[in-house]
Amino acid sequence: PRYPPVFDKKLVPVDVTVGDTVELECHMTGSLPIKVTWSKDHKDIRTGGNYKISFADNTAHLTILKADKADSGRYSCHASNDIGKDSCSTEVSVKGIWSRLFSVTVSSLSWD
């Protein structure tokens, strides 16, 4: 028997700072071959430029090499084979460098 793809390890939300690398990963079960595509805010993502996409051992990876504020948004992984399809989504939030410096400074002040 052949089985449709089902995500058993879904994407999790990611918070990073501008310039960081973002790694999105999810795992699925189902009968190969499985076609995997990624989208951001409902627009297709292709590998190249700032994105690196791979699929091995039923694990789909999307890497954003250097995150920018424009990379914030809703990312989805779509999997399909001849039996069916599934998808999962998550939010990626990219903060400016100043917000990180500010929160570090505030948390390292002592109040005694």
PDB file of N, CA and C in Angstrom:
ATOM      1  N   PRO A   1       0.834  -1.215   0.000  1.00  0.00           N
ATOM      2  CA  PRO A   1       0.000   0.000   0.000  1.00  0.00           C
ATOM      3  C   PRO A   1       0.863   1.258   0.000  1.00  0.00           C
ATOM      4  N   ARG A   2       0.327   2.316  -0.595  1.00  0.00           N
ATOM      5  CA  ARG A   2       1.034   3.607  -0.604  1.00  0.00           C
ATOM      6  C   ARG A   2       0.301   4.571   0.325  1.00  0.00           C
ATOM      7  N   TYR A   3       1.078   5.465   0.942  1.00  0.00           N
ATOM      8  CA  TYR A   3       0.506   6.363   1.945  1.00  0.00           C
ATOM      9  C   TYR A   3       0.742   7.824   1.579  1.00  0.00           C
ATOM     10  N   PRO A   4      -0.226   8.688   1.896  1.00  0.00           N
ATOM     11  CA  PRO A   4      -0.029  10.123   1.647  1.00  0.00           C
ATOM     12  C   PRO A   4       0.967  10.698   2.641  1.00  0.00           C
ATOM     13  N   PRO A   5       1.593  11.826   2.289  1.00  0.00           N
ATOM     14  CA  PRO A   5       2.519  12.459   3.247  1.00  0.00           C
ATOM     15  C   PRO A   5       1.760  13.036   4.447  1.00  0.00           C
ATOM     16  N   VAL A   6       2.333  12.841   5.617  1.00  0.00           N
ATOM     17  CA  VAL A   6       1.786  13.418   6.846  1.00  0.00           C
ATOM     18  C   VAL A   6       2.958  13.954   7.666  1.00  0.00           C
ATOM     19  N   PHE A   7       2.875  15.216   8.081  1.00  0.00           N
ATOM     20  CA  PHE A   7       3.949  15.793   8.899  1.00  0.00           C
ATOM     21  C   PHE A   7       3.837  15.260  10.323  1.00  0.00           C
ATOM     22  N   ASP A   8       4.874  14.552  10.779  1.00  0.00           N
ATOM     23  CA  ASP A   8       4.876  14.062  12.159  1.00  0.00           C
ATOM     24  C   ASP A   8       5.804  14.899  13.041  1.00  0.00           C
ATOM     25  N   LYS A   9       6.635  15.738  12.421  1.00  0.00           N
ATOM     26  CA  LYS A   9       7.431  16.713  13.180  1.00  0.00           C
ATOM     27  C   LYS A   9       7.275  18.034  12.453  1.00  0.00           C
ATOM     28  N   LYS A  10       6.491  18.925  13.045  1.00  0.00           N
ATOM     29  CA  LYS A  10       6.108  20.144  12.337  1.00  0.00           C
ATOM     30  C   LYS A  10       7.099  21.280  12.584  1.00  0.00           C
ATOM     31  N   LEU A  11       6.936  22.324  11.805  1.00  0.00           N
ATOM     32  CA  LEU A  11       7.763  23.520  11.961  1.00  0.00           C
ATOM     33  C   LEU A  11       7.465  24.188  13.293  1.00  0.00           C
ATOM     34  N   VAL A  12       8.483  24.791  13.885  1.00  0.00           N
ATOM     35  CA  VAL A  12       8.292  25.534  15.135  1.00  0.00           C
ATOM     36  C   VAL A  12       8.636  27.003  14.893  1.00  0.00           C
ATOM     37  N   PRO A  13       8.007  27.917  15.651  1.00  0.00           N
ATOM     38  CA  PRO A  13       8.282  29.347  15.470  1.00  0.00           C
ATOM     39  C   PRO A  13       9.741  29.685  15.755  1.00  0.00           C
ATOM     40  N   VAL A  14      10.263  30.679  15.039  1.00  0.00           N
ATOM     41  CA  VAL A  14      11.664  31.071  15.174  1.00  0.00           C
ATOM     42  C   VAL A  14      11.744  32.579  15.384  1.00  0.00           C
ATOM     43  N   ASP A  15      12.535  32.993  16.387  1.00  0.00           N
ATOM     44  CA  ASP A  15      12.844  34.410  16.617  1.00  0.00           C
ATOM     45  C   ASP A  15      14.335  34.605  16.464  1.00  0.00           C
ATOM     46  N   VAL A  16      14.748  35.467  15.553  1.00  0.00           N
ATOM     47  CA  VAL A  16      16.176  35.705  15.342  1.00  0.00           C
ATOM     48  C   VAL A  16      16.435  37.204  15.209  1.00  0.00           C
ATOM     49  N   THR A  17      17.714  37.545  15.160  1.00  0.00           N
ATOM     50  CA  THR A  17      18.142  38.918  14.954  1.00  0.00           C
ATOM     51  C   THR A  17      18.659  39.068  13.523  1.00  0.00           C
ATOM     52  N   VAL A  18      18.530  40.258  12.979  1.00  0.00           N
ATOM     53  CA  VAL A  18      19.054  40.569  11.639  1.00  0.00           C
ATOM     54  C   VAL A  18      20.475  40.026  11.495  1.00  0.00           C
ATOM     55  N   GLY A  19      20.738  39.336  10.394  1.00  0.00           N
ATOM     56  CA  GLY A  19      22.070  38.797  10.138  1.00  0.00           C
ATOM     57  C   GLY A  19      22.242  37.347  10.566  1.00  0.00           C
ATOM     58  N   ASP A  20      21.321  36.854  11.411  1.00  0.00           N
ATOM     59  CA  ASP A  20      21.400  35.455  11.856  1.00  0.00           C
ATOM     60  C   ASP A  20      21.000  34.496  10.735  1.00  0.00           C
ATOM     61  N   THR A  21      21.395  33.240  10.891  1.00  0.00           N
ATOM     62  CA  THR A  21      20.939  32.179  10.002  1.00  0.00           C
ATOM     63  C   THR A  21      19.680  31.557  10.593  1.00  0.00           C
ATOM     64  N   VAL A  22      18.692  31.315   9.749  1.00  0.00           N
ATOM     65  CA  VAL A  22      17.450  30.681  10.193  1.00  0.00           C
ATOM     66  C   VAL A  22      17.393  29.272   9.618  1.00  0.00           C
ATOM     67  N   GLU A  23      17.124  28.287  10.487  1.00  0.00           N
ATOM     68  CA  GLU A  23      16.968  26.897  10.038  1.00  0.00           C
ATOM     69  C   GLU A  23      15.548  26.449  10.328  1.00  0.00           C
ATOM     70  N   LEU A  24      14.804  26.139   9.287  1.00  0.00           N
ATOM     71  CA  LEU A  24      13.472  25.563   9.460  1.00  0.00           C
ATOM     72  C   LEU A  24      13.537  24.100   9.038  1.00  0.00           C
ATOM     73  N   GLU A  25      12.933  23.230   9.847  1.00  0.00           N
ATOM     74  CA  GLU A  25      13.025  21.800   9.577  1.00  0.00           C
ATOM     75  C   GLU A  25      11.726  21.115   9.969  1.00  0.00           C
ATOM     76  N   CYS A  26      11.277  20.193   9.121  1.00  0.00           N
ATOM     77  CA  CYS A  26      10.110  19.390   9.466  1.00  0.00           C
ATOM     78  C   CYS A  26      10.287  17.994   8.877  1.00  0.00           C
ATOM     79  N   HIS A  27       9.613  17.034   9.495  1.00  0.00           N
ATOM     80  CA  HIS A  27       9.754  15.636   9.075  1.00  0.00           C
ATOM     81  C   HIS A  27       8.386  15.077   8.727  1.00  0.00           C
ATOM     82  N   MET A  28       8.354  14.224   7.715  1.00  0.00           N
ATOM     83  CA  MET A  28       7.083  13.652   7.292  1.00  0.00           C
ATOM     84  C   MET A  28       7.199  12.148   7.094  1.00  0.00           C
ATOM     85  N   THR A  29       6.049  11.487   7.126  1.00  0.00           N
ATOM     86  CA  THR A  29       5.962  10.086   6.740  1.00  0.00           C
ATOM     87  C   THR A  29       5.175  10.036   5.431  1.00  0.00           C
ATOM     88  N   GLY A  30       5.233   8.907   4.746  1.00  0.00           N
ATOM     89  CA  GLY A  30       4.493   8.781   3.493  1.00  0.00           C
ATOM     90  C   GLY A  30       5.337   8.068   2.457  1.00  0.00           C
ATOM     91  N   SER A  31       4.676   7.654   1.368  1.00  0.00           N
ATOM     92  CA  SER A  31       5.352   6.892   0.329  1.00  0.00           C
ATOM     93  C   SER A  31       6.090   7.811  -0.643  1.00  0.00           C
ATOM     94  N   LEU A  32       7.345   7.465  -0.904  1.00  0.00           N
ATOM     95  CA  LEU A  32       8.136   8.215  -1.866  1.00  0.00           C
ATOM     96  C   LEU A  32       7.695   7.837  -3.284  1.00  0.00           C
ATOM     97  N   PRO A  33       7.918   8.688  -4.293  1.00  0.00           N
ATOM     98  CA  PRO A  33       8.528  10.016  -4.169  1.00  0.00           C
ATOM     99  C   PRO A  33       7.551  11.048  -3.602  1.00  0.00           C
ATOM    100  N   ILE A  34       8.099  11.926  -2.756  1.00  0.00           N
ATOM    101  CA  ILE A  34       7.328  13.040  -2.202  1.00  0.00           C
ATOM    102  C   ILE A  34       7.900  14.334  -2.769  1.00  0.00           C
ATOM    103  N   LYS A  35       7.027  15.179  -3.269  1.00  0.00           N
ATOM    104  CA  LYS A  35       7.465  16.487  -3.783  1.00  0.00           C
ATOM    105  C   LYS A  35       7.290  17.508  -2.662  1.00  0.00           C
ATOM    106  N   VAL A  36       8.356  18.245  -2.379  1.00  0.00           N
ATOM    107  CA  VAL A  36       8.319  19.222  -1.289  1.00  0.00           C
ATOM    108  C   VAL A  36       8.533  20.622  -1.842  1.00  0.00           C
ATOM    109  N   THR A  37       7.668  21.544  -1.462  1.00  0.00           N
ATOM    110  CA  THR A  37       7.857  22.949  -1.829  1.00  0.00           C
ATOM    111  C   THR A  37       7.696  23.809  -0.577  1.00  0.00           C
ATOM    112  N   TRP A  38       8.284  25.000  -0.623  1.00  0.00           N
ATOM    113  CA  TRP A  38       8.207  25.954   0.483  1.00  0.00           C
ATOM    114  C   TRP A  38       7.571  27.242  -0.014  1.00  0.00           C
ATOM    115  N   SER A  39       6.892  27.928   0.900  1.00  0.00           N
ATOM    116  CA  SER A  39       6.363  29.246   0.548  1.00  0.00           C
ATOM    117  C   SER A  39       6.484  30.181   1.746  1.00  0.00           C
ATOM    118  N   LYS A  40       6.510  31.465   1.424  1.00  0.00           N
ATOM    119  CA  LYS A  40       6.492  32.504   2.465  1.00  0.00           C
ATOM    120  C   LYS A  40       5.341  33.445   2.141  1.00  0.00           C
ATOM    121  N   ASP A  41       4.426  33.598   3.089  1.00  0.00           N
ATOM    122  CA  ASP A  41       3.241  34.424   2.862  1.00  0.00           C
ATOM    123  C   ASP A  41       2.568  34.077   1.531  1.00  0.00           C
ATOM    124  N   HIS A  42       2.450  32.788   1.267  1.00  0.00           N
ATOM    125  CA  HIS A  42       1.774  32.238   0.076  1.00  0.00           C
ATOM    126  C   HIS A  42       2.522  32.472  -1.230  1.00  0.00           C
ATOM    127  N   LYS A  43       3.788  32.885  -1.175  1.00  0.00           N
ATOM    128  CA  LYS A  43       4.590  33.007  -2.400  1.00  0.00           C
ATOM    129  C   LYS A  43       5.652  31.924  -2.401  1.00  0.00           C
ATOM    130  N   ASP A  44       5.828  31.266  -3.543  1.00  0.00           N
ATOM    131  CA  ASP A  44       6.805  30.172  -3.638  1.00  0.00           C
ATOM    132  C   ASP A  44       8.223  30.649  -3.369  1.00  0.00           C
ATOM    133  N   ILE A  45       8.980  29.806  -2.658  1.00  0.00           N
ATOM    134  CA  ILE A  45      10.402  30.072  -2.406  1.00  0.00           C
ATOM    135  C   ILE A  45      11.207  29.103  -3.270  1.00  0.00           C
ATOM    136  N   ARG A  46      12.206  29.633  -3.966  1.00  0.00           N
ATOM    137  CA  ARG A  46      13.106  28.773  -4.736  1.00  0.00           C
ATOM    138  C   ARG A  46      14.478  28.814  -4.077  1.00  0.00           C
ATOM    139  N   THR A  47      15.233  27.742  -4.252  1.00  0.00           N
ATOM    140  CA  THR A  47      16.579  27.725  -3.704  1.00  0.00           C
ATOM    141  C   THR A  47      17.440  28.702  -4.500  1.00  0.00           C
ATOM    142  N   GLY A  48      18.405  29.308  -3.837  1.00  0.00           N
ATOM    143  CA  GLY A  48      19.251  30.310  -4.504  1.00  0.00           C
ATOM    144  C   GLY A  48      19.193  31.620  -3.758  1.00  0.00           C
ATOM    145  N   GLY A  49      20.188  32.463  -3.966  1.00  0.00           N
ATOM    146  CA  GLY A  49      20.240  33.732  -3.245  1.00  0.00           C
ATOM    147  C   GLY A  49      20.401  33.477  -1.761  1.00  0.00           C
ATOM    148  N   ASN A  50      19.441  33.961  -0.987  1.00  0.00           N
ATOM    149  CA  ASN A  50      19.521  33.868   0.468  1.00  0.00           C
ATOM    150  C   ASN A  50      18.889  32.575   1.009  1.00  0.00           C
ATOM    151  N   TYR A  51      18.311  31.767   0.119  1.00  0.00           N
ATOM    152  CA  TYR A  51      17.616  30.545   0.545  1.00  0.00           C
ATOM    153  C   TYR A  51      18.346  29.294   0.110  1.00  0.00           C
ATOM    154  N   LYS A  52      18.336  28.305   0.992  1.00  0.00           N
ATOM    155  CA  LYS A  52      18.872  26.991   0.658  1.00  0.00           C
ATOM    156  C   LYS A  52      17.814  25.966   1.061  1.00  0.00           C
ATOM    157  N   ILE A  53      17.431  25.113   0.102  1.00  0.00           N
ATOM    158  CA  ILE A  53      16.374  24.145   0.354  1.00  0.00           C
ATOM    159  C   ILE A  53      16.919  22.737   0.131  1.00  0.00           C
ATOM    160  N   SER A  54      16.586  21.824   1.045  1.00  0.00           N
ATOM    161  CA  SER A  54      16.995  20.435   0.836  1.00  0.00           C
ATOM    162  C   SER A  54      15.925  19.497   1.387  1.00  0.00           C
ATOM    163  N   PHE A  55      15.962  18.251   0.883  1.00  0.00           N
ATOM    164  CA  PHE A  55      15.030  17.225   1.349  1.00  0.00           C
ATOM    165  C   PHE A  55      15.760  15.896   1.336  1.00  0.00           C
ATOM    166  N   ALA A  56      15.946  15.315   2.523  1.00  0.00           N
ATOM    167  CA  ALA A  56      16.643  14.031   2.631  1.00  0.00           C
ATOM    168  C   ALA A  56      16.092  13.279   3.829  1.00  0.00           C
ATOM    169  N   ASP A  57      15.999  11.955   3.712  1.00  0.00           N
ATOM    170  CA  ASP A  57      15.501  11.101   4.807  1.00  0.00           C
ATOM    171  C   ASP A  57      14.155  11.596   5.338  1.00  0.00           C
ATOM    172  N   ASN A  58      13.277  11.996   4.426  1.00  0.00           N
ATOM    173  CA  ASN A  58      11.939  12.486   4.776  1.00  0.00           C
ATOM    174  C   ASN A  58      11.953  13.742   5.656  1.00  0.00           C
ATOM    175  N   THR A  59      13.093  14.426   5.684  1.00  0.00           N
ATOM    176  CA  THR A  59      13.198  15.689   6.422  1.00  0.00           C
ATOM    177  C   THR A  59      13.408  16.829   5.441  1.00  0.00           C
ATOM    178  N   ALA A  60      12.545  17.837   5.538  1.00  0.00           N
ATOM    179  CA  ALA A  60      12.650  19.016   4.678  1.00  0.00           C
ATOM    180  C   ALA A  60      13.336  20.135   5.456  1.00  0.00           C
ATOM    181  N   HIS A  61      14.303  20.787   4.787  1.00  0.00           N
ATOM    182  CA  HIS A  61      15.060  21.891   5.397  1.00  0.00           C
ATOM    183  C   HIS A  61      14.906  23.146   4.552  1.00  0.00           C
ATOM    184  N   LEU A  62      14.716  24.263   5.229  1.00  0.00           N
ATOM    185  CA  LEU A  62      14.835  25.557   4.568  1.00  0.00           C
ATOM    186  C   LEU A  62      15.789  26.393   5.404  1.00  0.00           C
ATOM    187  N   THR A  63      16.858  26.880   4.781  1.00  0.00           N
ATOM    188  CA  THR A  63      17.816  27.737   5.475  1.00  0.00           C
ATOM    189  C   THR A  63      17.746  29.135   4.874  1.00  0.00           C
ATOM    190  N   ILE A  64      17.602  30.136   5.739  1.00  0.00           N
ATOM    191  CA  ILE A  64      17.757  31.536   5.323  1.00  0.00           C
ATOM    192  C   ILE A  64      19.143  31.933   5.797  1.00  0.00           C
ATOM    193  N   LEU A  65      20.035  32.200   4.847  1.00  0.00           N
ATOM    194  CA  LEU A  65      21.451  32.354   5.200  1.00  0.00           C
ATOM    195  C   LEU A  65      21.713  33.586   6.053  1.00  0.00           C
ATOM    196  N   LYS A  66      21.147  34.736   5.662  1.00  0.00           N
ATOM    197  CA  LYS A  66      21.317  35.960   6.465  1.00  0.00           C
ATOM    198  C   LYS A  66      19.962  36.630   6.575  1.00  0.00           C
ATOM    199  N   ALA A  67      19.371  36.503   7.734  1.00  0.00           N
ATOM    200  CA  ALA A  67      18.009  37.015   7.908  1.00  0.00           C
ATOM    201  C   ALA A  67      17.975  38.538   7.883  1.00  0.00           C
ATOM    202  N   ASP A  68      16.936  39.071   7.271  1.00  0.00           N
ATOM    203  CA  ASP A  68      16.663  40.499   7.260  1.00  0.00           C
ATOM    204  C   ASP A  68      15.241  40.680   7.782  1.00  0.00           C
ATOM    205  N   LYS A  69      14.893  41.913   8.152  1.00  0.00           N
ATOM    206  CA  LYS A  69      13.535  42.142   8.660  1.00  0.00           C
ATOM    207  C   LYS A  69      12.492  41.722   7.634  1.00  0.00           C
ATOM    208  N   ALA A  70      12.819  41.855   6.363  1.00  0.00           N
ATOM    209  CA  ALA A  70      11.887  41.484   5.286  1.00  0.00           C
ATOM    210  C   ALA A  70      11.620  39.980   5.265  1.00  0.00           C
ATOM    211  N   ASP A  71      12.476  39.194   5.925  1.00  0.00           N
ATOM    212  CA  ASP A  71      12.279  37.740   5.967  1.00  0.00           C
ATOM    213  C   ASP A  71      11.252  37.316   7.024  1.00  0.00           C
ATOM    214  N   SER A  72      10.813  38.277   7.854  1.00  0.00           N
ATOM    215  CA  SER A  72       9.755  37.962   8.818  1.00  0.00           C
ATOM    216  C   SER A  72       8.499  37.571   8.056  1.00  0.00           C
ATOM    217  N   GLY A  73       7.767  36.593   8.589  1.00  0.00           N
ATOM    218  CA  GLY A  73       6.517  36.215   7.944  1.00  0.00           C
ATOM    219  C   GLY A  73       6.134  34.784   8.247  1.00  0.00           C
ATOM    220  N   ARG A  74       5.149  34.304   7.505  1.00  0.00           N
ATOM    221  CA  ARG A  74       4.619  32.952   7.700  1.00  0.00           C
ATOM    222  C   ARG A  74       5.208  32.030   6.645  1.00  0.00           C
ATOM    223  N   TYR A  75       5.949  31.025   7.106  1.00  0.00           N
ATOM    224  CA  TYR A  75       6.583  30.058   6.207  1.00  0.00           C
ATOM    225  C   TYR A  75       5.819  28.737   6.241  1.00  0.00           C
ATOM    226  N   SER A  76       5.636  28.149   5.067  1.00  0.00           N
ATOM    227  CA  SER A  76       4.915  26.883   4.975  1.00  0.00           C
ATOM    228  C   SER A  76       5.719  25.880   4.166  1.00  0.00           C
ATOM    229  N   CYS A  77       5.635  24.631   4.600  1.00  0.00           N
ATOM    230  CA  CYS A  77       6.216  23.515   3.858  1.00  0.00           C
ATOM    231  C   CYS A  77       5.059  22.666   3.334  1.00  0.00           C
ATOM    232  N   HIS A  78       5.092  22.372   2.031  1.00  0.00           N
ATOM    233  CA  HIS A  78       4.027  21.610   1.388  1.00  0.00           C
ATOM    234  C   HIS A  78       4.619  20.305   0.855  1.00  0.00           C
ATOM    235  N   ALA A  79       3.963  19.200   1.166  1.00  0.00           N
ATOM    236  CA  ALA A  79       4.431  17.899   0.701  1.00  0.00           C
ATOM    237  C   ALA A  79       3.304  17.210  -0.056  1.00  0.00           C
ATOM    238  N   SER A  80       3.629  16.593  -1.196  1.00  0.00           N
ATOM    239  CA  SER A  80       2.594  15.886  -1.947  1.00  0.00           C
ATOM    240  C   SER A  80       3.180  14.662  -2.644  1.00  0.00           C
ATOM    241  N   ASN A  81       2.343  13.642  -2.785  1.00  0.00           N
ATOM    242  CA  ASN A  81       2.672  12.508  -3.643  1.00  0.00           C
ATOM    243  C   ASN A  81       1.412  12.132  -4.422  1.00  0.00           C
ATOM    244  N   ASP A  82       1.419  10.987  -5.083  1.00  0.00           N
ATOM    245  CA  ASP A  82       0.273  10.649  -5.934  1.00  0.00           C
ATOM    246  C   ASP A  82      -0.975  10.277  -5.120  1.00  0.00           C
ATOM    247  N   ILE A  83      -0.840  10.145  -3.806  1.00  0.00           N
ATOM    248  CA  ILE A  83      -1.973   9.747  -2.962  1.00  0.00           C
ATOM    249  C   ILE A  83      -2.640  10.937  -2.278  1.00  0.00           C
ATOM    250  N   GLY A  84      -1.827  11.920  -1.883  1.00  0.00           N
ATOM    251  CA  GLY A  84      -2.395  13.051  -1.143  1.00  0.00           C
ATOM    252  C   GLY A  84      -1.360  14.112  -0.849  1.00  0.00           C
ATOM    253  N   LYS A  85      -1.742  15.033   0.026  1.00  0.00           N
ATOM    254  CA  LYS A  85      -0.820  16.120   0.363  1.00  0.00           C
ATOM    255  C   LYS A  85      -1.053  16.608   1.783  1.00  0.00           C
ATOM    256  N   ASP A  86      -0.050  17.305   2.310  1.00  0.00           N
ATOM    257  CA  ASP A  86      -0.128  17.859   3.654  1.00  0.00           C
ATOM    258  C   ASP A  86       0.733  19.115   3.676  1.00  0.00           C
ATOM    259  N   SER A  87       0.515  19.964   4.664  1.00  0.00           N
ATOM    260  CA  SER A  87       1.385  21.130   4.804  1.00  0.00           C
ATOM    261  C   SER A  87       1.437  21.525   6.271  1.00  0.00           C
ATOM    262  N   CYS A  88       2.491  22.256   6.640  1.00  0.00           N
ATOM    263  CA  CYS A  88       2.581  22.818   7.977  1.00  0.00           C
ATOM    264  C   CYS A  88       3.224  24.192   7.861  1.00  0.00           C
ATOM    265  N   SER A  89       2.936  25.054   8.825  1.00  0.00           N
ATOM    266  CA  SER A  89       3.377  26.447   8.758  1.00  0.00           C
ATOM    267  C   SER A  89       3.900  26.915  10.106  1.00  0.00           C
ATOM    268  N   THR A  90       4.680  27.991  10.056  1.00  0.00           N
ATOM    269  CA  THR A  90       5.147  28.607  11.297  1.00  0.00           C
ATOM    270  C   THR A  90       5.481  30.065  11.038  1.00  0.00           C
ATOM    271  N   GLU A  91       5.666  30.812  12.117  1.00  0.00           N
ATOM    272  CA  GLU A  91       6.040  32.221  12.014  1.00  0.00           C
ATOM    273  C   GLU A  91       7.540  32.383  12.242  1.00  0.00           C
ATOM    274  N   VAL A  92       8.156  33.197  11.394  1.00  0.00           N
ATOM    275  CA  VAL A  92       9.548  33.595  11.601  1.00  0.00           C
ATOM    276  C   VAL A  92       9.541  35.093  11.898  1.00  0.00           C
ATOM    277  N   SER A  93      10.189  35.471  12.991  1.00  0.00           N
ATOM    278  CA  SER A  93      10.245  36.875  13.391  1.00  0.00           C
ATOM    279  C   SER A  93      11.702  37.326  13.435  1.00  0.00           C
ATOM    280  N   VAL A  94      12.043  38.338  12.640  1.00  0.00           N
ATOM    281  CA  VAL A  94      13.416  38.855  12.592  1.00  0.00           C
ATOM    282  C   VAL A  94      13.428  40.241  13.224  1.00  0.00           C
ATOM    283  N   LYS A  95      14.199  40.364  14.297  1.00  0.00           N
ATOM    284  CA  LYS A  95      14.269  41.629  15.030  1.00  0.00           C
ATOM    285  C   LYS A  95      15.534  42.407  14.639  1.00  0.00           C
ATOM    286  N   GLY A  96      15.462  43.712  14.780  1.00  0.00           N
ATOM    287  CA  GLY A  96      16.632  44.545  14.517  1.00  0.00           C
ATOM    288  C   GLY A  96      17.684  44.350  15.590  1.00  0.00           C
ATOM    289  N   ILE A  97      18.909  44.702  15.257  1.00  0.00           N
ATOM    290  CA  ILE A  97      20.031  44.519  16.184  1.00  0.00           C
ATOM    291  C   ILE A  97      19.838  45.363  17.443  1.00  0.00           C
ATOM    292  N   TRP A  98      19.202  46.548  17.298  1.00  0.00           N
ATOM    293  CA  TRP A  98      19.060  47.440  18.457  1.00  0.00           C
ATOM    294  C   TRP A  98      18.137  46.855  19.499  1.00  0.00           C
ATOM    295  N   SER A  99      17.095  46.165  19.085  1.00  0.00           N
ATOM    296  CA  SER A  99      16.190  45.601  20.085  1.00  0.00           C
ATOM    297  C   SER A  99      16.910  44.532  20.907  1.00  0.00           C
ATOM    298  N   ARG A 100      17.836  43.807  20.274  1.00  0.00           N
ATOM    299  CA  ARG A 100      18.582  42.798  21.024  1.00  0.00           C
ATOM    300  C   ARG A 100      19.560  43.468  21.997  1.00  0.00           C
ATOM    301  N   LEU A 101      20.276  44.477  21.528  1.00  0.00           N
ATOM    302  CA  LEU A 101      21.221  45.173  22.408  1.00  0.00           C
ATOM    303  C   LEU A 101      20.488  45.772  23.598  1.00  0.00           C
ATOM    304  N   PHE A 102      19.318  46.352  23.345  1.00  0.00           N
ATOM    305  CA  PHE A 102      18.546  46.981  24.417  1.00  0.00           C
ATOM    306  C   PHE A 102      18.126  45.951  25.461  1.00  0.00           C
ATOM    307  N   SER A 103      17.603  44.799  25.005  1.00  0.00           N
ATOM    308  CA  SER A 103      17.124  43.808  25.976  1.00  0.00           C
ATOM    309  C   SER A 103      18.283  43.211  26.782  1.00  0.00           C
ATOM    310  N   VAL A 104      19.448  43.053  26.144  1.00  0.00           N
ATOM    311  CA  VAL A 104      20.623  42.535  26.859  1.00  0.00           C
ATOM    312  C   VAL A 104      21.075  43.545  27.911  1.00  0.00           C
ATOM    313  N   THR A 105      21.110  44.821  27.525  1.00  0.00           N
ATOM    314  CA  THR A 105      21.534  45.877  28.455  1.00  0.00           C
ATOM    315  C   THR A 105      20.609  45.943  29.664  1.00  0.00           C
ATOM    316  N   VAL A 106      19.312  45.932  29.389  1.00  0.00           N
ATOM    317  CA  VAL A 106      18.328  46.025  30.487  1.00  0.00           C
ATOM    318  C   VAL A 106      18.454  44.834  31.431  1.00  0.00           C
ATOM    319  N   SER A 107      18.605  43.637  30.865  1.00  0.00           N
ATOM    320  CA  SER A 107      18.643  42.443  31.720  1.00  0.00           C
ATOM    321  C   SER A 107      19.948  42.331  32.501  1.00  0.00           C
ATOM    322  N   SER A 108      21.007  43.023  32.042  1.00  0.00           N
ATOM    323  CA  SER A 108      22.262  42.898  32.776  1.00  0.00           C
ATOM    324  C   SER A 108      22.435  43.991  33.842  1.00  0.00           C
ATOM    325  N   LEU A 109      21.495  44.941  33.925  1.00  0.00           N
ATOM    326  CA  LEU A 109      21.554  45.939  34.992  1.00  0.00           C
ATOM    327  C   LEU A 109      21.143  45.288  36.316  1.00  0.00           C
ATOM    328  N   SER A 110      21.806  45.702  37.389  1.00  0.00           N
ATOM    329  CA  SER A 110      21.384  45.146  38.685  1.00  0.00           C
ATOM    330  C   SER A 110      20.587  46.221  39.431  1.00  0.00           C
ATOM    331  N   TRP A 111      19.629  45.768  40.169  1.00  0.00           N
ATOM    332  CA  TRP A 111      18.709  46.710  40.808  1.00  0.00           C
ATOM    333  C   TRP A 111      18.890  46.777  42.321  1.00  0.00           C
ATOM    334  N   ASP A 112      20.057  46.323  42.859  1.00  0.00           N
ATOM    335  CA  ASP A 112      20.180  46.376  44.315  1.00  0.00           C
ATOM    336  C   ASP A 112      20.815  47.675  44.790  1.00  0.00           C
TER     337      ASP A 112
END
